[in-house]
């Protein structure tokens, strides 16, 4: 689980979780699994599109939201005299 692909999938896992079912529904309308070959094609397409979209979503939405949340927490901690905990992402 310490390989680069596993770490990459771990980083984008939440975005992948959010997006994969929508991708599955859309791709299954284009590729209907009527045989083993079309079923494999469906899985490969869903994985490729889901990972691509999740990577984009992670970098453009999830990470900026984490940074913004950290800023809000730091501001609240400064205002109310608490110590803010920072995430590593």
PDB file of N, CA and C in Angstrom:
ATOM      1  N   UNK A   1       0.804  -1.210   0.000  1.00  0.00           N
ATOM      2  CA  UNK A   1       0.000   0.000   0.000  1.00  0.00           C
ATOM      3  C   UNK A   1       0.844   1.269   0.000  1.00  0.00           C
ATOM      4  N   UNK A   2       2.156   1.118  -0.048  1.00  0.00           N
ATOM      5  CA  UNK A   2       3.031   2.280  -0.071  1.00  0.00           C
ATOM      6  C   UNK A   2       3.555   2.583  -1.469  1.00  0.00           C
ATOM      7  N   UNK A   3       3.001   1.926  -2.479  1.00  0.00           N
ATOM      8  CA  UNK A   3       3.432   2.187  -3.848  1.00  0.00           C
ATOM      9  C   UNK A   3       2.815   3.495  -4.325  1.00  0.00           C
ATOM     10  N   UNK A   4       3.435   4.082  -5.333  1.00  0.00           N
ATOM     11  CA  UNK A   4       2.928   5.359  -5.849  1.00  0.00           C
ATOM     12  C   UNK A   4       1.485   5.272  -6.339  1.00  0.00           C
ATOM     13  N   UNK A   5       1.107   4.221  -7.099  1.00  0.00           N
ATOM     14  CA  UNK A   5      -0.296   4.143  -7.534  1.00  0.00           C
ATOM     15  C   UNK A   5      -1.272   4.040  -6.357  1.00  0.00           C
ATOM     16  N   UNK A   6      -0.916   3.265  -5.332  1.00  0.00           N
ATOM     17  CA  UNK A   6      -1.802   3.130  -4.177  1.00  0.00           C
ATOM     18  C   UNK A   6      -1.929   4.453  -3.424  1.00  0.00           C
ATOM     19  N   UNK A   7      -0.816   5.167  -3.255  1.00  0.00           N
ATOM     20  CA  UNK A   7      -0.859   6.463  -2.578  1.00  0.00           C
ATOM     21  C   UNK A   7      -1.661   7.477  -3.378  1.00  0.00           C
ATOM     22  N   UNK A   8      -1.513   7.449  -4.699  1.00  0.00           N
ATOM     23  CA  UNK A   8      -2.282   8.344  -5.566  1.00  0.00           C
ATOM     24  C   UNK A   8      -3.780   8.071  -5.423  1.00  0.00           C
ATOM     25  N   UNK A   9      -4.167   6.794  -5.492  1.00  0.00           N
ATOM     26  CA  UNK A   9      -5.591   6.453  -5.345  1.00  0.00           C
ATOM     27  C   UNK A   9      -6.113   6.828  -3.961  1.00  0.00           C
ATOM     28  N   UNK A  10      -5.252   6.713  -2.953  1.00  0.00           N
ATOM     29  CA  UNK A  10      -5.643   7.137  -1.613  1.00  0.00           C
ATOM     30  C   UNK A  10      -5.903   8.629  -1.532  1.00  0.00           C
ATOM     31  N   UNK A  11      -5.067   9.413  -2.225  1.00  0.00           N
ATOM     32  CA  UNK A  11      -5.248  10.864  -2.225  1.00  0.00           C
ATOM     33  C   UNK A  11      -6.545  11.280  -2.898  1.00  0.00           C
ATOM     34  N   UNK A  12      -6.897  10.626  -3.987  1.00  0.00           N
ATOM     35  CA  UNK A  12      -8.103  11.031  -4.725  1.00  0.00           C
ATOM     36  C   UNK A  12      -9.322  10.196  -4.353  1.00  0.00           C
ATOM     37  N   UNK A  13      -9.202   9.368  -3.320  1.00  0.00           N
ATOM     38  CA  UNK A  13     -10.251   8.385  -3.019  1.00  0.00           C
ATOM     39  C   UNK A  13     -11.614   9.021  -2.714  1.00  0.00           C
ATOM     40  N   UNK A  14     -11.639  10.141  -2.008  1.00  0.00           N
ATOM     41  CA  UNK A  14     -12.933  10.744  -1.694  1.00  0.00           C
ATOM     42  C   UNK A  14     -13.601  11.278  -2.955  1.00  0.00           C
ATOM     43  N   UNK A  15     -12.826  11.942  -3.802  1.00  0.00           N
ATOM     44  CA  UNK A  15     -13.375  12.429  -5.067  1.00  0.00           C
ATOM     45  C   UNK A  15     -13.820  11.258  -5.933  1.00  0.00           C
ATOM     46  N   UNK A  16     -13.047  10.201  -5.935  1.00  0.00           N
ATOM     47  CA  UNK A  16     -13.405   9.007  -6.705  1.00  0.00           C
ATOM     48  C   UNK A  16     -14.701   8.398  -6.179  1.00  0.00           C
ATOM     49  N   UNK A  17     -14.844   8.350  -4.872  1.00  0.00           N
ATOM     50  CA  UNK A  17     -16.055   7.836  -4.242  1.00  0.00           C
ATOM     51  C   UNK A  17     -17.279   8.662  -4.660  1.00  0.00           C
ATOM     52  N   UNK A  18     -17.115   9.980  -4.694  1.00  0.00           N
ATOM     53  CA  UNK A  18     -18.240  10.845  -5.034  1.00  0.00           C
ATOM     54  C   UNK A  18     -18.641  10.744  -6.503  1.00  0.00           C
ATOM     55  N   UNK A  19     -17.680  10.536  -7.385  1.00  0.00           N
ATOM     56  CA  UNK A  19     -17.939  10.633  -8.815  1.00  0.00           C
ATOM     57  C   UNK A  19     -18.207   9.309  -9.521  1.00  0.00           C
ATOM     58  N   UNK A  20     -17.735   8.193  -8.982  1.00  0.00           N
ATOM     59  CA  UNK A  20     -17.753   6.946  -9.761  1.00  0.00           C
ATOM     60  C   UNK A  20     -19.155   6.459 -10.128  1.00  0.00           C
ATOM     61  N   UNK A  21     -20.134   6.653  -9.269  1.00  0.00           N
ATOM     62  CA  UNK A  21     -21.463   6.127  -9.578  1.00  0.00           C
ATOM     63  C   UNK A  21     -22.116   6.912 -10.711  1.00  0.00           C
ATOM     64  N   UNK A  22     -21.902   8.217 -10.738  1.00  0.00           N
ATOM     65  CA  UNK A  22     -22.427   9.018 -11.842  1.00  0.00           C
ATOM     66  C   UNK A  22     -21.785   8.638 -13.167  1.00  0.00           C
ATOM     67  N   UNK A  23     -20.483   8.407 -13.124  1.00  0.00           N
ATOM     68  CA  UNK A  23     -19.769   7.968 -14.333  1.00  0.00           C
ATOM     69  C   UNK A  23     -20.289   6.610 -14.772  1.00  0.00           C
ATOM     70  N   UNK A  24     -20.496   5.698 -13.828  1.00  0.00           N
ATOM     71  CA  UNK A  24     -21.013   4.370 -14.155  1.00  0.00           C
ATOM     72  C   UNK A  24     -22.370   4.468 -14.843  1.00  0.00           C
ATOM     73  N   UNK A  25     -23.235   5.306 -14.329  1.00  0.00           N
ATOM     74  CA  UNK A  25     -24.570   5.459 -14.923  1.00  0.00           C
ATOM     75  C   UNK A  25     -24.469   6.025 -16.342  1.00  0.00           C
ATOM     76  N   UNK A  26     -23.642   7.049 -16.518  1.00  0.00           N
ATOM     77  CA  UNK A  26     -23.507   7.656 -17.846  1.00  0.00           C
ATOM     78  C   UNK A  26     -22.854   6.711 -18.852  1.00  0.00           C
ATOM     79  N   UNK A  27     -21.775   6.058 -18.458  1.00  0.00           N
ATOM     80  CA  UNK A  27     -21.070   5.164 -19.382  1.00  0.00           C
ATOM     81  C   UNK A  27     -21.917   3.936 -19.703  1.00  0.00           C
ATOM     82  N   UNK A  28     -22.693   3.451 -18.745  1.00  0.00           N
ATOM     83  CA  UNK A  28     -23.518   2.266 -19.011  1.00  0.00           C
ATOM     84  C   UNK A  28     -24.641   2.561 -20.003  1.00  0.00           C
ATOM     85  N   UNK A  29     -24.960   3.830 -20.215  1.00  0.00           N
ATOM     86  CA  UNK A  29     -25.933   4.187 -21.257  1.00  0.00           C
ATOM     87  C   UNK A  29     -25.312   4.104 -22.642  1.00  0.00           C
ATOM     88  N   UNK A  30     -23.982   4.282 -22.708  1.00  0.00           N
ATOM     89  CA  UNK A  30     -23.268   4.211 -23.979  1.00  0.00           C
ATOM     90  C   UNK A  30     -22.836   2.775 -24.281  1.00  0.00           C
ATOM     91  N   UNK A  31     -22.301   2.100 -23.261  1.00  0.00           N
ATOM     92  CA  UNK A  31     -21.836   0.721 -23.413  1.00  0.00           C
ATOM     93  C   UNK A  31     -22.737  -0.170 -22.574  1.00  0.00           C
ATOM     94  N   UNK A  32     -23.629  -0.895 -23.204  1.00  0.00           N
ATOM     95  CA  UNK A  32     -24.484  -1.795 -22.436  1.00  0.00           C
ATOM     96  C   UNK A  32     -23.804  -3.164 -22.372  1.00  0.00           C
ATOM     97  N   UNK A  33     -23.585  -3.662 -21.159  1.00  0.00           N
ATOM     98  CA  UNK A  33     -22.855  -4.925 -21.011  1.00  0.00           C
ATOM     99  C   UNK A  33     -23.702  -6.135 -21.412  1.00  0.00           C
ATOM    100  N   UNK A  34     -23.635  -6.502 -22.679  1.00  0.00           N
ATOM    101  CA  UNK A  34     -24.391  -7.658 -23.171  1.00  0.00           C
ATOM    102  C   UNK A  34     -23.512  -8.884 -23.343  1.00  0.00           C
ATOM    103  N   UNK A  35     -22.206  -8.708 -23.260  1.00  0.00           N
ATOM    104  CA  UNK A  35     -21.282  -9.828 -23.358  1.00  0.00           C
ATOM    105  C   UNK A  35     -20.115  -9.582 -22.412  1.00  0.00           C
ATOM    106  N   UNK A  36     -19.252 -10.568 -22.292  1.00  0.00           N
ATOM    107  CA  UNK A  36     -18.082 -10.424 -21.429  1.00  0.00           C
ATOM    108  C   UNK A  36     -17.194  -9.288 -21.913  1.00  0.00           C
ATOM    109  N   UNK A  37     -17.002  -9.198 -23.218  1.00  0.00           N
ATOM    110  CA  UNK A  37     -16.145  -8.146 -23.771  1.00  0.00           C
ATOM    111  C   UNK A  37     -16.703  -6.755 -23.494  1.00  0.00           C
ATOM    112  N   UNK A  38     -18.012  -6.593 -23.677  1.00  0.00           N
ATOM    113  CA  UNK A  38     -18.592  -5.276 -23.423  1.00  0.00           C
ATOM    114  C   UNK A  38     -18.611  -4.963 -21.925  1.00  0.00           C
ATOM    115  N   UNK A  39     -18.707  -5.974 -21.088  1.00  0.00           N
ATOM    116  CA  UNK A  39     -18.627  -5.771 -19.637  1.00  0.00           C
ATOM    117  C   UNK A  39     -17.243  -5.307 -19.217  1.00  0.00           C
ATOM    118  N   UNK A  40     -16.216  -5.916 -19.809  1.00  0.00           N
ATOM    119  CA  UNK A  40     -14.841  -5.502 -19.524  1.00  0.00           C
ATOM    120  C   UNK A  40     -14.609  -4.088 -20.041  1.00  0.00           C
ATOM    121  N   UNK A  41     -15.117  -3.777 -21.224  1.00  0.00           N
ATOM    122  CA  UNK A  41     -14.987  -2.433 -21.784  1.00  0.00           C
ATOM    123  C   UNK A  41     -15.665  -1.410 -20.874  1.00  0.00           C
ATOM    124  N   UNK A  42     -16.832  -1.767 -20.339  1.00  0.00           N
ATOM    125  CA  UNK A  42     -17.545  -0.875 -19.423  1.00  0.00           C
ATOM    126  C   UNK A  42     -16.695  -0.588 -18.189  1.00  0.00           C
ATOM    127  N   UNK A  43     -16.129  -1.620 -17.587  1.00  0.00           N
ATOM    128  CA  UNK A  43     -15.314  -1.451 -16.380  1.00  0.00           C
ATOM    129  C   UNK A  43     -14.087  -0.592 -16.671  1.00  0.00           C
ATOM    130  N   UNK A  44     -13.409  -0.875 -17.782  1.00  0.00           N
ATOM    131  CA  UNK A  44     -12.213  -0.108 -18.139  1.00  0.00           C
ATOM    132  C   UNK A  44     -12.565   1.362 -18.379  1.00  0.00           C
ATOM    133  N   UNK A  45     -13.636   1.617 -19.090  1.00  0.00           N
ATOM    134  CA  UNK A  45     -14.056   3.010 -19.354  1.00  0.00           C
ATOM    135  C   UNK A  45     -14.450   3.726 -18.075  1.00  0.00           C
ATOM    136  N   UNK A  46     -15.207   3.052 -17.217  1.00  0.00           N
ATOM    137  CA  UNK A  46     -15.630   3.671 -15.957  1.00  0.00           C
ATOM    138  C   UNK A  46     -14.410   3.995 -15.098  1.00  0.00           C
ATOM    139  N   UNK A  47     -13.458   3.071 -15.006  1.00  0.00           N
ATOM    140  CA  UNK A  47     -12.250   3.337 -14.222  1.00  0.00           C
ATOM    141  C   UNK A  47     -11.455   4.502 -14.796  1.00  0.00           C
ATOM    142  N   UNK A  48     -11.248   4.498 -16.092  1.00  0.00           N
ATOM    143  CA  UNK A  48     -10.445   5.551 -16.717  1.00  0.00           C
ATOM    144  C   UNK A  48     -11.101   6.919 -16.548  1.00  0.00           C
ATOM    145  N   UNK A  49     -12.380   7.010 -16.827  1.00  0.00           N
ATOM    146  CA  UNK A  49     -13.079   8.297 -16.726  1.00  0.00           C
ATOM    147  C   UNK A  49     -13.198   8.733 -15.264  1.00  0.00           C
ATOM    148  N   UNK A  50     -13.505   7.797 -14.375  1.00  0.00           N
ATOM    149  CA  UNK A  50     -13.654   8.139 -12.958  1.00  0.00           C
ATOM    150  C   UNK A  50     -12.348   8.642 -12.365  1.00  0.00           C
ATOM    151  N   UNK A  51     -11.253   7.978 -12.653  1.00  0.00           N
ATOM    152  CA  UNK A  51      -9.956   8.395 -12.105  1.00  0.00           C
ATOM    153  C   UNK A  51      -9.545   9.747 -12.677  1.00  0.00           C
ATOM    154  N   UNK A  52      -9.787   9.953 -13.966  1.00  0.00           N
ATOM    155  CA  UNK A  52      -9.458  11.240 -14.585  1.00  0.00           C
ATOM    156  C   UNK A  52     -10.268  12.370 -13.953  1.00  0.00           C
ATOM    157  N   UNK A  53     -11.575  12.184 -13.845  1.00  0.00           N
ATOM    158  CA  UNK A  53     -12.432  13.221 -13.247  1.00  0.00           C
ATOM    159  C   UNK A  53     -12.120  13.430 -11.767  1.00  0.00           C
ATOM    160  N   UNK A  54     -11.848  12.350 -11.052  1.00  0.00           N
ATOM    161  CA  UNK A  54     -11.541  12.466  -9.623  1.00  0.00           C
ATOM    162  C   UNK A  54     -10.238  13.227  -9.405  1.00  0.00           C
ATOM    163  N   UNK A  55      -9.259  13.016 -10.281  1.00  0.00           N
ATOM    164  CA  UNK A  55      -7.997  13.752 -10.178  1.00  0.00           C
ATOM    165  C   UNK A  55      -8.238  15.245 -10.376  1.00  0.00           C
ATOM    166  N   UNK A  56      -8.992  15.583 -11.408  1.00  0.00           N
ATOM    167  CA  UNK A  56      -9.331  16.982 -11.666  1.00  0.00           C
ATOM    168  C   UNK A  56     -10.124  17.571 -10.500  1.00  0.00           C
ATOM    169  N   UNK A  57     -11.124  16.856 -10.015  1.00  0.00           N
ATOM    170  CA  UNK A  57     -11.976  17.312  -8.925  1.00  0.00           C
ATOM    171  C   UNK A  57     -11.166  17.511  -7.645  1.00  0.00           C
ATOM    172  N   UNK A  58     -10.240  16.583  -7.377  1.00  0.00           N
ATOM    173  CA  UNK A  58      -9.407  16.672  -6.180  1.00  0.00           C
ATOM    174  C   UNK A  58      -8.566  17.943  -6.205  1.00  0.00           C
ATOM    175  N   UNK A  59      -7.944  18.217  -7.342  1.00  0.00           N
ATOM    176  CA  UNK A  59      -7.063  19.381  -7.441  1.00  0.00           C
ATOM    177  C   UNK A  59      -7.828  20.702  -7.548  1.00  0.00           C
ATOM    178  N   UNK A  60      -8.979  20.703  -8.184  1.00  0.00           N
ATOM    179  CA  UNK A  60      -9.680  21.960  -8.423  1.00  0.00           C
ATOM    180  C   UNK A  60     -10.759  22.288  -7.389  1.00  0.00           C
ATOM    181  N   UNK A  61     -11.243  21.300  -6.665  1.00  0.00           N
ATOM    182  CA  UNK A  61     -12.321  21.553  -5.701  1.00  0.00           C
ATOM    183  C   UNK A  61     -11.927  21.137  -4.285  1.00  0.00           C
ATOM    184  N   UNK A  62     -11.507  19.886  -4.125  1.00  0.00           N
ATOM    185  CA  UNK A  62     -11.283  19.348  -2.787  1.00  0.00           C
ATOM    186  C   UNK A  62     -10.127  20.037  -2.065  1.00  0.00           C
ATOM    187  N   UNK A  63      -8.968  20.138  -2.705  1.00  0.00           N
ATOM    188  CA  UNK A  63      -7.812  20.779  -2.053  1.00  0.00           C
ATOM    189  C   UNK A  63      -8.055  22.246  -1.738  1.00  0.00           C
ATOM    190  N   UNK A  64      -8.602  23.047  -2.672  1.00  0.00           N
ATOM    191  CA  UNK A  64      -8.896  24.444  -2.309  1.00  0.00           C
ATOM    192  C   UNK A  64      -9.909  24.556  -1.166  1.00  0.00           C
ATOM    193  N   UNK A  65     -10.866  23.638  -1.097  1.00  0.00           N
ATOM    194  CA  UNK A  65     -11.838  23.663   0.002  1.00  0.00           C
ATOM    195  C   UNK A  65     -11.166  23.341   1.332  1.00  0.00           C
ATOM    196  N   UNK A  66     -10.206  22.434   1.327  1.00  0.00           N
ATOM    197  CA  UNK A  66      -9.468  22.104   2.548  1.00  0.00           C
ATOM    198  C   UNK A  66      -8.657  23.313   3.014  1.00  0.00           C
ATOM    199  N   UNK A  67      -7.999  23.979   2.071  1.00  0.00           N
ATOM    200  CA  UNK A  67      -7.214  25.174   2.410  1.00  0.00           C
ATOM    201  C   UNK A  67      -8.121  26.262   2.976  1.00  0.00           C
ATOM    202  N   UNK A  68      -9.263  26.477   2.343  1.00  0.00           N
ATOM    203  CA  UNK A  68     -10.209  27.486   2.837  1.00  0.00           C
ATOM    204  C   UNK A  68     -10.723  27.123   4.226  1.00  0.00           C
ATOM    205  N   UNK A  69     -11.019  25.853   4.447  1.00  0.00           N
ATOM    206  CA  UNK A  69     -11.474  25.410   5.764  1.00  0.00           C
ATOM    207  C   UNK A  69     -10.416  25.610   6.832  1.00  0.00           C
ATOM    208  N   UNK A  70      -9.155  25.346   6.474  1.00  0.00           N
ATOM    209  CA  UNK A  70      -8.063  25.582   7.420  1.00  0.00           C
ATOM    210  C   UNK A  70      -7.948  27.059   7.780  1.00  0.00           C
ATOM    211  N   UNK A  71      -8.140  27.927   6.786  1.00  0.00           N
ATOM    212  CA  UNK A  71      -8.082  29.373   7.055  1.00  0.00           C
ATOM    213  C   UNK A  71      -9.214  29.803   7.985  1.00  0.00           C
ATOM    214  N   UNK A  72     -10.396  29.285   7.736  1.00  0.00           N
ATOM    215  CA  UNK A  72     -11.540  29.624   8.599  1.00  0.00           C
ATOM    216  C   UNK A  72     -11.286  29.137  10.019  1.00  0.00           C
ATOM    217  N   UNK A  73     -10.792  27.916  10.161  1.00  0.00           N
ATOM    218  CA  UNK A  73     -10.503  27.373  11.498  1.00  0.00           C
ATOM    219  C   UNK A  73      -9.434  28.188  12.205  1.00  0.00           C
ATOM    220  N   UNK A  74      -8.384  28.584  11.468  1.00  0.00           N
ATOM    221  CA  UNK A  74      -7.322  29.395  12.065  1.00  0.00           C
ATOM    222  C   UNK A  74      -7.856  30.750  12.503  1.00  0.00           C
ATOM    223  N   UNK A  75      -8.714  31.346  11.685  1.00  0.00           N
ATOM    224  CA  UNK A  75      -9.301  32.639  12.039  1.00  0.00           C
ATOM    225  C   UNK A  75     -10.188  32.518  13.271  1.00  0.00           C
ATOM    226  N   UNK A  76     -10.974  31.474  13.334  1.00  0.00           N
ATOM    227  CA  UNK A  76     -11.832  31.268  14.511  1.00  0.00           C
ATOM    228  C   UNK A  76     -11.004  30.993  15.746  1.00  0.00           C
ATOM    229  N   UNK A  77      -9.942  30.217  15.587  1.00  0.00           N
ATOM    230  CA  UNK A  77      -9.077  29.923  16.723  1.00  0.00           C
ATOM    231  C   UNK A  77      -8.395  31.190  17.218  1.00  0.00           C
ATOM    232  N   UNK A  78      -7.954  32.038  16.293  1.00  0.00           N
ATOM    233  CA  UNK A  78      -7.315  33.292  16.689  1.00  0.00           C
ATOM    234  C   UNK A  78      -8.309  34.208  17.394  1.00  0.00           C
ATOM    235  N   UNK A  79      -9.519  34.212  16.909  1.00  0.00           N
ATOM    236  CA  UNK A  79     -10.528  35.098  17.501  1.00  0.00           C
ATOM    237  C   UNK A  79     -10.950  34.633  18.887  1.00  0.00           C
ATOM    238  N   UNK A  80     -11.084  33.312  19.068  1.00  0.00           N
ATOM    239  CA  UNK A  80     -11.581  32.791  20.338  1.00  0.00           C
ATOM    240  C   UNK A  80     -10.486  32.232  21.233  1.00  0.00           C
ATOM    241  N   UNK A  81      -9.216  32.365  20.823  1.00  0.00           N
ATOM    242  CA  UNK A  81      -8.098  31.975  21.684  1.00  0.00           C
ATOM    243  C   UNK A  81      -7.818  30.493  21.745  1.00  0.00           C
ATOM    244  N   UNK A  82      -8.181  29.737  20.730  1.00  0.00           N
ATOM    245  CA  UNK A  82      -7.899  28.303  20.706  1.00  0.00           C
ATOM    246  C   UNK A  82      -6.769  28.028  19.732  1.00  0.00           C
ATOM    247  N   UNK A  83      -6.265  26.828  19.769  1.00  0.00           N
ATOM    248  CA  UNK A  83      -5.219  26.401  18.840  1.00  0.00           C
ATOM    249  C   UNK A  83      -5.891  25.629  17.714  1.00  0.00           C
ATOM    250  N   UNK A  84      -5.656  26.048  16.490  1.00  0.00           N
ATOM    251  CA  UNK A  84      -6.258  25.384  15.334  1.00  0.00           C
ATOM    252  C   UNK A  84      -5.379  24.203  14.927  1.00  0.00           C
ATOM    253  N   UNK A  85      -6.007  23.090  14.608  1.00  0.00           N
ATOM    254  CA  UNK A  85      -5.302  21.923  14.089  1.00  0.00           C
ATOM    255  C   UNK A  85      -5.309  21.982  12.576  1.00  0.00           C
ATOM    256  N   UNK A  86      -4.172  21.738  11.945  1.00  0.00           N
ATOM    257  CA  UNK A  86      -4.066  21.800  10.498  1.00  0.00           C
ATOM    258  C   UNK A  86      -4.033  20.381   9.941  1.00  0.00           C
ATOM    259  N   UNK A  87      -4.666  20.199   8.782  1.00  0.00           N
ATOM    260  CA  UNK A  87      -4.588  18.911   8.100  1.00  0.00           C
ATOM    261  C   UNK A  87      -3.348  18.899   7.227  1.00  0.00           C
ATOM    262  N   UNK A  88      -2.921  17.706   6.806  1.00  0.00           N
ATOM    263  CA  UNK A  88      -1.701  17.571   6.024  1.00  0.00           C
ATOM    264  C   UNK A  88      -1.926  17.688   4.535  1.00  0.00           C
ATOM    265  N   UNK A  89      -3.113  17.885   4.039  1.00  0.00           N
ATOM    266  CA  UNK A  89      -3.343  17.908   2.594  1.00  0.00           C
ATOM    267  C   UNK A  89      -3.197  19.240   2.052  1.00  0.00           C
TER     268      UNK A  89
END
